[in-house]
Amino acid sequence: CLSLDGRKNDARSFIFDGFKYHNPIIFIGALGIAVRMMKDLSQDKLK
């Protein structure tokens, strides 16, 4: 389990790396913020 404190670090980059390797991401926070942070990262429903 890799974790990140979004108050101190770049959460967007952490999410980007997750999408890069297709890692499952668990976001503990507001749904609206999560949707904005993963903007443009979704590319293929199979991947």
All heavy atoms as atom14 arrays in JSON, in Angstrom:
{
  "sequence": "CLSLDGRKNDARSFIFDGFKYHNPIIFIGALGIAVRMMKDLSQDKLK",
  "atom14_mask": [
    [1, 1, 1, 1, 1, 1, 0, 0, 0, 0, 0, 0, 0, 0],
    [1, 1, 1, 1, 1, 1, 1, 1, 0, 0, 0, 0, 0, 0],
    [1, 1, 1, 1, 1, 1, 0, 0, 0, 0, 0, 0, 0, 0],
    [1, 1, 1, 1, 1, 1, 1, 1, 0, 0, 0, 0, 0, 0],
    [1, 1, 1, 1, 1, 1, 1, 1, 0, 0, 0, 0, 0, 0],
    [1, 1, 1, 1, 0, 0, 0, 0, 0, 0, 0, 0, 0, 0],
    [1, 1, 1, 1, 1, 1, 1, 1, 1, 1, 1, 0, 0, 0],
    [1, 1, 1, 1, 1, 1, 1, 1, 1, 0, 0, 0, 0, 0],
    [1, 1, 1, 1, 1, 1, 1, 1, 0, 0, 0, 0, 0, 0],
    [1, 1, 1, 1, 1, 1, 1, 1, 0, 0, 0, 0, 0, 0],
    [1, 1, 1, 1, 1, 0, 0, 0, 0, 0, 0, 0, 0, 0],
    [1, 1, 1, 1, 1, 1, 1, 1, 1, 1, 1, 0, 0, 0],
    [1, 1, 1, 1, 1, 1, 0, 0, 0, 0, 0, 0, 0, 0],
    [1, 1, 1, 1, 1, 1, 1, 1, 1, 1, 1, 0, 0, 0],
    [1, 1, 1, 1, 1, 1, 1, 1, 0, 0, 0, 0, 0, 0],
    [1, 1, 1, 1, 1, 1, 1, 1, 1, 1, 1, 0, 0, 0],
    [1, 1, 1, 1, 1, 1, 1, 1, 0, 0, 0, 0, 0, 0],
    [1, 1, 1, 1, 0, 0, 0, 0, 0, 0, 0, 0, 0, 0],
    [1, 1, 1, 1, 1, 1, 1, 1, 1, 1, 1, 0, 0, 0],
    [1, 1, 1, 1, 1, 1, 1, 1, 1, 0, 0, 0, 0, 0],
    [1, 1, 1, 1, 1, 1, 1, 1, 1, 1, 1, 1, 0, 0],
    [1, 1, 1, 1, 1, 1, 1, 1, 1, 1, 0, 0, 0, 0],
    [1, 1, 1, 1, 1, 1, 1, 1, 0, 0, 0, 0, 0, 0],
    [1, 1, 1, 1, 1, 1, 1, 0, 0, 0, 0, 0, 0, 0],
    [1, 1, 1, 1, 1, 1, 1, 1, 0, 0, 0, 0, 0, 0],
    [1, 1, 1, 1, 1, 1, 1, 1, 0, 0, 0, 0, 0, 0],
    [1, 1, 1, 1, 1, 1, 1, 1, 1, 1, 1, 0, 0, 0],
    [1, 1, 1, 1, 1, 1, 1, 1, 0, 0, 0, 0, 0, 0],
    [1, 1, 1, 1, 0, 0, 0, 0, 0, 0, 0, 0, 0, 0],
    [1, 1, 1, 1, 1, 0, 0, 0, 0, 0, 0, 0, 0, 0],
    [1, 1, 1, 1, 1, 1, 1, 1, 0, 0, 0, 0, 0, 0],
    [1, 1, 1, 1, 0, 0, 0, 0, 0, 0, 0, 0, 0, 0],
    [1, 1, 1, 1, 1, 1, 1, 1, 0, 0, 0, 0, 0, 0],
    [1, 1, 1, 1, 1, 0, 0, 0, 0, 0, 0, 0, 0, 0],
    [1, 1, 1, 1, 1, 1, 1, 0, 0, 0, 0, 0, 0, 0],
    [1, 1, 1, 1, 1, 1, 1, 1, 1, 1, 1, 0, 0, 0],
    [1, 1, 1, 1, 1, 1, 1, 1, 0, 0, 0, 0, 0, 0],
    [1, 1, 1, 1, 1, 1, 1, 1, 0, 0, 0, 0, 0, 0],
    [1, 1, 1, 1, 1, 1, 1, 1, 1, 0, 0, 0, 0, 0],
    [1, 1, 1, 1, 1, 1, 1, 1, 0, 0, 0, 0, 0, 0],
    [1, 1, 1, 1, 1, 1, 1, 1, 0, 0, 0, 0, 0, 0],
    [1, 1, 1, 1, 1, 1, 0, 0, 0, 0, 0, 0, 0, 0],
    [1, 1, 1, 1, 1, 1, 1, 1, 1, 0, 0, 0, 0, 0],
    [1, 1, 1, 1, 1, 1, 1, 1, 0, 0, 0, 0, 0, 0],
    [1, 1, 1, 1, 1, 1, 1, 1, 1, 0, 0, 0, 0, 0],
    [1, 1, 1, 1, 1, 1, 1, 1, 0, 0, 0, 0, 0, 0],
    [1, 1, 1, 1, 1, 1, 1, 1, 1, 0, 0, 0, 0, 0]
  ],
  "atom14_positions": [
    [[0.84, -1.2, 0.0], [0.0, 0.0, 0.0], [0.88, 1.24, 0.0], [1.66, 1.47, 0.93], [-0.92, 0.01, 1.22], [-2.22, -1.23, 1.16], [0.0, 0.0, 0.0], [0.0, 0.0, 0.0], [0.0, 0.0, 0.0], [0.0, 0.0, 0.0], [0.0, 0.0, 0.0], [0.0, 0.0, 0.0], [0.0, 0.0, 0.0], [0.0, 0.0, 0.0]],
    [[0.76, 2.04, -1.04], [1.46, 3.32, -1.13], [0.47, 4.41, -0.73], [-0.65, 4.44, -1.23], [1.96, 3.56, -2.55], [2.82, 2.45, -3.18], [3.18, 2.82, -4.6], [4.07, 2.21, -2.35], [0.0, 0.0, 0.0], [0.0, 0.0, 0.0], [0.0, 0.0, 0.0], [0.0, 0.0, 0.0], [0.0, 0.0, 0.0], [0.0, 0.0, 0.0]],
    [[0.87, 5.3, 0.16], [-0.05, 6.33, 0.62], [0.54, 7.72, 0.45], [1.76, 7.89, 0.36], [-0.42, 6.11, 2.09], [0.72, 6.18, 2.92], [0.0, 0.0, 0.0], [0.0, 0.0, 0.0], [0.0, 0.0, 0.0], [0.0, 0.0, 0.0], [0.0, 0.0, 0.0], [0.0, 0.0, 0.0], [0.0, 0.0, 0.0], [0.0, 0.0, 0.0]],
    [[-0.34, 8.71, 0.41], [0.08, 10.1, 0.21], [-0.81, 11.04, 1.02], [-2.04, 10.92, 0.98], [-0.01, 10.46, -1.27], [0.49, 11.88, -1.61], [1.95, 11.82, -2.0], [-0.32, 12.5, -2.74], [0.0, 0.0, 0.0], [0.0, 0.0, 0.0], [0.0, 0.0, 0.0], [0.0, 0.0, 0.0], [0.0, 0.0, 0.0], [0.0, 0.0, 0.0]],
    [[-0.18, 11.95, 1.73], [-0.9, 13.02, 2.43], [-1.07, 14.17, 1.44], [-0.11, 14.86, 1.09], [-0.1, 13.47, 3.65], [-0.85, 14.49, 4.5], [-1.78, 15.15, 3.99], [-0.51, 14.63, 5.69], [0.0, 0.0, 0.0], [0.0, 0.0, 0.0], [0.0, 0.0, 0.0], [0.0, 0.0, 0.0], [0.0, 0.0, 0.0], [0.0, 0.0, 0.0]],
    [[-2.3, 14.35, 0.96], [-2.57, 15.37, -0.05], [-2.39, 16.79, 0.43], [-2.37, 17.73, -0.38], [0.0, 0.0, 0.0], [0.0, 0.0, 0.0], [0.0, 0.0, 0.0], [0.0, 0.0, 0.0], [0.0, 0.0, 0.0], [0.0, 0.0, 0.0], [0.0, 0.0, 0.0], [0.0, 0.0, 0.0], [0.0, 0.0, 0.0], [0.0, 0.0, 0.0]],
    [[-2.24, 17.0, 1.75], [-2.0, 18.34, 2.28], [-0.55, 18.78, 2.08], [-0.25, 19.97, 2.05], [-2.33, 18.38, 3.79], [-3.77, 18.09, 4.13], [-3.97, 17.85, 5.61], [-3.27, 16.63, 6.05], [-3.4, 16.11, 7.28], [-4.19, 16.71, 8.17], [-2.75, 15.02, 7.61], [0.0, 0.0, 0.0], [0.0, 0.0, 0.0], [0.0, 0.0, 0.0]],
    [[0.33, 17.81, 1.94], [1.76, 18.11, 1.89], [2.4, 17.75, 0.56], [3.55, 18.12, 0.31], [2.48, 17.34, 3.01], [1.94, 17.62, 4.41], [2.62, 16.72, 5.43], [2.05, 16.92, 6.82], [2.67, 16.0, 7.81], [0.0, 0.0, 0.0], [0.0, 0.0, 0.0], [0.0, 0.0, 0.0], [0.0, 0.0, 0.0], [0.0, 0.0, 0.0]],
    [[1.7, 16.99, -0.27], [2.29, 16.47, -1.5], [1.36, 16.66, -2.68], [0.19, 17.01, -2.52], [2.61, 14.97, -1.34], [3.56, 14.7, -0.18], [4.75, 14.87, -0.3], [3.0, 14.27, 0.96], [0.0, 0.0, 0.0], [0.0, 0.0, 0.0], [0.0, 0.0, 0.0], [0.0, 0.0, 0.0], [0.0, 0.0, 0.0], [0.0, 0.0, 0.0]],
    [[1.89, 16.44, -3.86], [1.14, 16.61, -5.11], [0.26, 15.39, -5.37], [0.73, 14.38, -5.89], [2.12, 16.84, -6.25], [1.43, 17.15, -7.57], [0.18, 17.08, -7.61], [2.13, 17.43, -8.56], [0.0, 0.0, 0.0], [0.0, 0.0, 0.0], [0.0, 0.0, 0.0], [0.0, 0.0, 0.0], [0.0, 0.0, 0.0], [0.0, 0.0, 0.0]],
    [[-1.0, 15.49, -5.0], [-1.92, 14.36, -5.16], [-2.15, 14.03, -6.63], [-2.31, 12.86, -7.0], [-3.25, 14.66, -4.47], [0.0, 0.0, 0.0], [0.0, 0.0, 0.0], [0.0, 0.0, 0.0], [0.0, 0.0, 0.0], [0.0, 0.0, 0.0], [0.0, 0.0, 0.0], [0.0, 0.0, 0.0], [0.0, 0.0, 0.0], [0.0, 0.0, 0.0]],
    [[-2.2, 15.04, -7.47], [-2.43, 14.82, -8.9], [-1.33, 13.94, -9.49], [-1.61, 13.01, -10.25], [-2.48, 16.17, -9.62], [-2.41, 16.11, -11.14], [-3.69, 15.68, -11.79], [-3.57, 15.75, -13.26], [-4.53, 15.48, -14.11], [-5.72, 15.11, -13.66], [-4.33, 15.57, -15.4], [0.0, 0.0, 0.0], [0.0, 0.0, 0.0], [0.0, 0.0, 0.0]],
    [[-0.08, 14.18, -9.14], [1.03, 13.37, -9.65], [0.94, 11.94, -9.13], [1.24, 10.98, -9.85], [2.37, 13.98, -9.24], [2.56, 15.24, -9.87], [0.0, 0.0, 0.0], [0.0, 0.0, 0.0], [0.0, 0.0, 0.0], [0.0, 0.0, 0.0], [0.0, 0.0, 0.0], [0.0, 0.0, 0.0], [0.0, 0.0, 0.0], [0.0, 0.0, 0.0]],
    [[0.53, 11.79, -7.88], [0.36, 10.48, -7.28], [-0.72, 9.69, -8.03], [-0.56, 8.5, -8.31], [-0.01, 10.65, -5.81], [-0.03, 9.39, -5.0], [1.14, 8.71, -4.69], [-1.22, 8.88, -4.51], [1.13, 7.55, -3.92], [-1.25, 7.72, -3.74], [-0.07, 7.06, -3.45], [0.0, 0.0, 0.0], [0.0, 0.0, 0.0], [0.0, 0.0, 0.0]],
    [[-1.82, 10.36, -8.36], [-2.89, 9.73, -9.13], [-2.42, 9.41, -10.54], [-2.72, 8.34, -11.08], [-4.14, 10.64, -9.16], [-4.74, 10.77, -7.76], [-5.19, 10.11, -10.13], [-5.84, 11.81, -7.65], [0.0, 0.0, 0.0], [0.0, 0.0, 0.0], [0.0, 0.0, 0.0], [0.0, 0.0, 0.0], [0.0, 0.0, 0.0], [0.0, 0.0, 0.0]],
    [[-1.68, 10.33, -11.13], [-1.15, 10.11, -12.48], [-0.3, 8.85, -12.53], [-0.43, 8.03, -13.46], [-0.3, 11.31, -12.92], [0.35, 11.13, -14.27], [-0.33, 11.38, -15.44], [1.68, 10.69, -14.35], [0.27, 11.19, -16.68], [2.29, 10.5, -15.58], [1.59, 10.76, -16.74], [0.0, 0.0, 0.0], [0.0, 0.0, 0.0], [0.0, 0.0, 0.0]],
    [[0.58, 8.66, -11.53], [1.4, 7.45, -11.49], [0.53, 6.2, -11.33], [0.84, 5.15, -11.89], [2.41, 7.53, -10.34], [3.57, 8.45, -10.65], [3.79, 8.76, -11.84], [4.26, 8.88, -9.71], [0.0, 0.0, 0.0], [0.0, 0.0, 0.0], [0.0, 0.0, 0.0], [0.0, 0.0, 0.0], [0.0, 0.0, 0.0], [0.0, 0.0, 0.0]],
    [[-0.55, 6.33, -10.57], [-1.47, 5.21, -10.42], [-2.08, 4.8, -11.74], [-2.15, 3.62, -12.08], [0.0, 0.0, 0.0], [0.0, 0.0, 0.0], [0.0, 0.0, 0.0], [0.0, 0.0, 0.0], [0.0, 0.0, 0.0], [0.0, 0.0, 0.0], [0.0, 0.0, 0.0], [0.0, 0.0, 0.0], [0.0, 0.0, 0.0], [0.0, 0.0, 0.0]],
    [[-2.5, 5.79, -12.53], [-3.07, 5.5, -13.85], [-2.0, 4.96, -14.8], [-2.28, 4.11, -15.65], [-3.7, 6.76, -14.43], [-5.14, 6.94, -14.03], [-5.47, 7.46, -12.78], [-6.18, 6.58, -14.88], [-6.79, 7.63, -12.4], [-7.5, 6.74, -14.51], [-7.82, 7.26, -13.26], [0.0, 0.0, 0.0], [0.0, 0.0, 0.0], [0.0, 0.0, 0.0]],
    [[-0.8, 5.44, -14.65], [0.31, 5.0, -15.5], [0.53, 3.49, -15.39], [0.76, 2.8, -16.38], [1.58, 5.75, -15.11], [2.84, 5.35, -15.88], [4.02, 6.16, -15.39], [5.31, 5.75, -16.08], [6.47, 6.52, -15.55], [0.0, 0.0, 0.0], [0.0, 0.0, 0.0], [0.0, 0.0, 0.0], [0.0, 0.0, 0.0], [0.0, 0.0, 0.0]],
    [[0.44, 2.99, -14.14], [0.67, 1.57, -13.9], [-0.63, 0.78, -13.71], [-0.6, -0.41, -13.43], [1.55, 1.38, -12.66], [2.9, 2.04, -12.76], [3.29, 3.04, -11.86], [3.8, 1.68, -13.76], [4.53, 3.64, -11.94], [5.04, 2.29, -13.87], [5.4, 3.27, -12.95], [6.63, 3.88, -13.04], [0.0, 0.0, 0.0], [0.0, 0.0, 0.0]],
    [[-1.77, 1.46, -13.84], [-3.08, 0.84, -13.66], [-3.28, 0.33, -12.24], [-3.97, -0.68, -12.02], [-3.29, -0.3, -14.67], [-3.02, 0.09, -16.09], [-2.61, -0.81, -17.04], [-3.09, 1.29, -16.73], [-2.43, -0.19, -18.21], [-2.72, 1.09, -18.03], [0.0, 0.0, 0.0], [0.0, 0.0, 0.0], [0.0, 0.0, 0.0], [0.0, 0.0, 0.0]],
    [[-2.68, 1.02, -11.25], [-2.88, 0.65, -9.85], [-4.26, 1.07, -9.37], [-4.75, 2.13, -9.75], [-1.87, 1.38, -8.94], [-0.42, 1.11, -9.24], [0.41, 1.96, -9.02], [-0.11, -0.07, -9.74], [0.0, 0.0, 0.0], [0.0, 0.0, 0.0], [0.0, 0.0, 0.0], [0.0, 0.0, 0.0], [0.0, 0.0, 0.0], [0.0, 0.0, 0.0]],
    [[-4.92, 0.28, -8.5], [-6.15, 0.73, -7.87], [-5.87, 1.94, -6.96], [-4.84, 1.98, -6.28], [-6.58, -0.47, -7.02], [-5.85, -1.63, -7.6], [-4.57, -1.09, -8.13], [0.0, 0.0, 0.0], [0.0, 0.0, 0.0], [0.0, 0.0, 0.0], [0.0, 0.0, 0.0], [0.0, 0.0, 0.0], [0.0, 0.0, 0.0], [0.0, 0.0, 0.0]],
    [[-6.78, 2.91, -6.99], [-6.61, 4.14, -6.21], [-7.78, 4.3, -5.26], [-8.93, 4.21, -5.67], [-6.51, 5.37, -7.14], [-5.28, 5.24, -8.06], [-6.45, 6.66, -6.33], [-5.26, 6.22, -9.2], [0.0, 0.0, 0.0], [0.0, 0.0, 0.0], [0.0, 0.0, 0.0], [0.0, 0.0, 0.0], [0.0, 0.0, 0.0], [0.0, 0.0, 0.0]],
    [[-7.47, 4.52, -3.98], [-8.49, 4.76, -2.97], [-8.33, 6.2, -2.49], [-7.31, 6.56, -1.91], [-8.36, 3.78, -1.79], [-8.44, 2.34, -2.31], [-9.44, 4.04, -0.75], [-8.06, 1.29, -1.28], [0.0, 0.0, 0.0], [0.0, 0.0, 0.0], [0.0, 0.0, 0.0], [0.0, 0.0, 0.0], [0.0, 0.0, 0.0], [0.0, 0.0, 0.0]],
    [[-9.33, 7.0, -2.76], [-9.28, 8.45, -2.5], [-10.19, 8.74, -1.31], [-11.41, 8.57, -1.39], [-9.77, 9.19, -3.75], [-9.63, 10.68, -3.72], [-8.58, 11.31, -4.37], [-10.56, 11.47, -3.04], [-8.45, 12.69, -4.36], [-10.44, 12.85, -3.03], [-9.38, 13.46, -3.68], [0.0, 0.0, 0.0], [0.0, 0.0, 0.0], [0.0, 0.0, 0.0]],
    [[-9.61, 9.16, -0.2], [-10.39, 9.46, 1.01], [-10.62, 10.97, 1.05], [-9.75, 11.74, 1.48], [-9.65, 8.99, 2.27], [-9.3, 7.5, 2.15], [-10.52, 9.23, 3.52], [-8.36, 6.99, 3.21], [0.0, 0.0, 0.0], [0.0, 0.0, 0.0], [0.0, 0.0, 0.0], [0.0, 0.0, 0.0], [0.0, 0.0, 0.0], [0.0, 0.0, 0.0]],
    [[-11.78, 11.39, 0.56], [-12.07, 12.81, 0.47], [-13.31, 13.05, -0.37], [-14.08, 12.13, -0.66], [0.0, 0.0, 0.0], [0.0, 0.0, 0.0], [0.0, 0.0, 0.0], [0.0, 0.0, 0.0], [0.0, 0.0, 0.0], [0.0, 0.0, 0.0], [0.0, 0.0, 0.0], [0.0, 0.0, 0.0], [0.0, 0.0, 0.0], [0.0, 0.0, 0.0]],
    [[-13.47, 14.29, -0.78], [-14.68, 14.69, -1.51], [-14.68, 14.13, -2.93], [-13.67, 14.17, -3.64], [-14.78, 16.21, -1.55], [0.0, 0.0, 0.0], [0.0, 0.0, 0.0], [0.0, 0.0, 0.0], [0.0, 0.0, 0.0], [0.0, 0.0, 0.0], [0.0, 0.0, 0.0], [0.0, 0.0, 0.0], [0.0, 0.0, 0.0], [0.0, 0.0, 0.0]],
    [[-15.84, 13.65, -3.35], [-15.98, 13.08, -4.69], [-15.68, 14.12, -5.76], [-15.03, 13.82, -6.76], [-17.4, 12.53, -4.87], [-17.77, 11.97, -6.24], [-16.82, 10.85, -6.63], [-19.21, 11.47, -6.24], [0.0, 0.0, 0.0], [0.0, 0.0, 0.0], [0.0, 0.0, 0.0], [0.0, 0.0, 0.0], [0.0, 0.0, 0.0], [0.0, 0.0, 0.0]],
    [[-16.15, 15.35, -5.57], [-15.91, 16.4, -6.56], [-14.44, 16.68, -6.77], [-13.97, 16.85, -7.91], [0.0, 0.0, 0.0], [0.0, 0.0, 0.0], [0.0, 0.0, 0.0], [0.0, 0.0, 0.0], [0.0, 0.0, 0.0], [0.0, 0.0, 0.0], [0.0, 0.0, 0.0], [0.0, 0.0, 0.0], [0.0, 0.0, 0.0], [0.0, 0.0, 0.0]],
    [[-13.67, 16.72, -5.67], [-12.23, 16.94, -5.78], [-11.57, 15.77, -6.52], [-10.69, 15.98, -7.36], [-11.61, 17.11, -4.38], [-12.17, 18.36, -3.7], [-10.09, 17.19, -4.47], [-11.75, 18.52, -2.26], [0.0, 0.0, 0.0], [0.0, 0.0, 0.0], [0.0, 0.0, 0.0], [0.0, 0.0, 0.0], [0.0, 0.0, 0.0], [0.0, 0.0, 0.0]],
    [[-12.02, 14.56, -6.2], [-11.46, 13.38, -6.85], [-11.68, 13.43, -8.36], [-10.78, 13.15, -9.14], [-12.1, 12.12, -6.26], [0.0, 0.0, 0.0], [0.0, 0.0, 0.0], [0.0, 0.0, 0.0], [0.0, 0.0, 0.0], [0.0, 0.0, 0.0], [0.0, 0.0, 0.0], [0.0, 0.0, 0.0], [0.0, 0.0, 0.0], [0.0, 0.0, 0.0]],
    [[-12.9, 13.8, -8.76], [-13.22, 13.87, -10.2], [-12.34, 14.9, -10.9], [-11.83, 14.65, -12.0], [-14.71, 14.19, -10.39], [-15.01, 14.49, -11.86], [-15.58, 13.03, -9.91], [0.0, 0.0, 0.0], [0.0, 0.0, 0.0], [0.0, 0.0, 0.0], [0.0, 0.0, 0.0], [0.0, 0.0, 0.0], [0.0, 0.0, 0.0], [0.0, 0.0, 0.0]],
    [[-12.13, 16.04, -10.27], [-11.28, 17.07, -10.88], [-9.83, 16.61, -10.98], [-9.14, 16.88, -11.96], [-11.37, 18.37, -10.09], [-12.69, 19.12, -10.3], [-12.6, 20.55, -9.78], [-12.51, 20.59, -8.32], [-13.56, 20.6, -7.5], [-14.78, 20.55, -8.0], [-13.39, 20.66, -6.2], [0.0, 0.0, 0.0], [0.0, 0.0, 0.0], [0.0, 0.0, 0.0]],
    [[-9.37, 15.89, -9.96], [-7.97, 15.45, -9.95], [-7.68, 14.39, -10.99], [-6.55, 14.27, -11.48], [-7.57, 14.95, -8.56], [-7.31, 16.05, -7.57], [-6.44, 15.44, -6.12], [-6.12, 17.0, -5.27], [0.0, 0.0, 0.0], [0.0, 0.0, 0.0], [0.0, 0.0, 0.0], [0.0, 0.0, 0.0], [0.0, 0.0, 0.0], [0.0, 0.0, 0.0]],
    [[-8.68, 13.56, -11.32], [-8.41, 12.53, -12.32], [-8.85, 12.96, -13.72], [-8.9, 12.15, -14.64], [-9.09, 11.2, -11.94], [-10.58, 11.2, -11.96], [-11.21, 9.54, -11.56], [-12.97, 9.83, -11.65], [0.0, 0.0, 0.0], [0.0, 0.0, 0.0], [0.0, 0.0, 0.0], [0.0, 0.0, 0.0], [0.0, 0.0, 0.0], [0.0, 0.0, 0.0]],
    [[-9.14, 14.26, -13.87], [-9.54, 14.81, -15.16], [-8.5, 14.47, -16.23], [-7.3, 14.62, -16.02], [-9.71, 16.32, -15.06], [-10.13, 16.99, -16.36], [-10.21, 18.5, -16.2], [-10.59, 19.17, -17.51], [-10.62, 20.65, -17.38], [0.0, 0.0, 0.0], [0.0, 0.0, 0.0], [0.0, 0.0, 0.0], [0.0, 0.0, 0.0], [0.0, 0.0, 0.0]],
    [[-8.98, 13.99, -17.38], [-8.17, 13.68, -18.56], [-7.29, 12.44, -18.4], [-6.54, 12.1, -19.32], [-7.27, 14.87, -18.96], [-8.05, 16.13, -19.23], [-9.17, 16.01, -19.76], [-7.55, 17.23, -18.92], [0.0, 0.0, 0.0], [0.0, 0.0, 0.0], [0.0, 0.0, 0.0], [0.0, 0.0, 0.0], [0.0, 0.0, 0.0], [0.0, 0.0, 0.0]],
    [[-7.34, 11.76, -17.26], [-6.49, 10.58, -17.06], [-7.15, 9.3, -17.58], [-6.46, 8.37, -17.98], [-6.14, 10.41, -15.59], [-5.24, 11.5, -14.99], [-4.98, 11.22, -13.52], [-3.92, 11.6, -15.75], [0.0, 0.0, 0.0], [0.0, 0.0, 0.0], [0.0, 0.0, 0.0], [0.0, 0.0, 0.0], [0.0, 0.0, 0.0], [0.0, 0.0, 0.0]],
    [[-8.46, 9.27, -17.59], [-9.16, 8.09, -18.08], [-9.04, 8.0, -19.6], [-9.37, 8.95, -20.31], [-10.64, 8.15, -17.67], [-11.36, 7.09, -18.25], [0.0, 0.0, 0.0], [0.0, 0.0, 0.0], [0.0, 0.0, 0.0], [0.0, 0.0, 0.0], [0.0, 0.0, 0.0], [0.0, 0.0, 0.0], [0.0, 0.0, 0.0], [0.0, 0.0, 0.0]],
    [[-8.57, 6.85, -20.09], [-8.33, 6.68, -21.52], [-9.04, 5.48, -22.13], [-9.51, 5.53, -23.25], [-6.82, 6.53, -21.77], [-5.99, 7.72, -21.33], [-6.28, 8.98, -22.11], [-6.55, 8.92, -23.32], [-6.21, 10.13, -21.47], [0.0, 0.0, 0.0], [0.0, 0.0, 0.0], [0.0, 0.0, 0.0], [0.0, 0.0, 0.0], [0.0, 0.0, 0.0]],
    [[-9.14, 4.39, -21.38], [-9.63, 3.14, -21.96], [-10.28, 2.3, -20.87], [-9.62, 1.98, -19.88], [-8.46, 2.38, -22.58], [-8.89, 1.14, -23.35], [-9.95, 0.57, -23.04], [-8.14, 0.73, -24.26], [0.0, 0.0, 0.0], [0.0, 0.0, 0.0], [0.0, 0.0, 0.0], [0.0, 0.0, 0.0], [0.0, 0.0, 0.0], [0.0, 0.0, 0.0]],
    [[-11.54, 1.94, -21.01], [-12.25, 1.2, -19.98], [-11.64, -0.17, -19.71], [-11.86, -0.76, -18.65], [-13.73, 1.06, -20.33], [-14.05, 0.11, -21.45], [-15.56, -0.1, -21.56], [-16.1, -0.81, -20.35], [-17.56, -0.91, -20.32], [0.0, 0.0, 0.0], [0.0, 0.0, 0.0], [0.0, 0.0, 0.0], [0.0, 0.0, 0.0], [0.0, 0.0, 0.0]],
    [[-10.86, -0.7, -20.64], [-10.22, -1.98, -20.44], [-8.89, -1.86, -19.68], [-8.34, -2.86, -19.24], [-9.97, -2.69, -21.77], [-11.19, -2.99, -22.65], [-10.78, -3.81, -23.86], [-12.27, -3.71, -21.85], [0.0, 0.0, 0.0], [0.0, 0.0, 0.0], [0.0, 0.0, 0.0], [0.0, 0.0, 0.0], [0.0, 0.0, 0.0], [0.0, 0.0, 0.0]],
    [[-8.4, -0.61, -19.53], [-7.08, -0.43, -18.92], [-7.06, 0.54, -17.75], [-6.1, 0.54, -16.97], [-6.08, 0.05, -19.99], [-5.88, -0.92, -21.14], [-4.92, -0.35, -22.17], [-4.75, -1.29, -23.35], [-3.82, -0.74, -24.37], [0.0, 0.0, 0.0], [0.0, 0.0, 0.0], [0.0, 0.0, 0.0], [0.0, 0.0, 0.0], [0.0, 0.0, 0.0]]
  ]
}
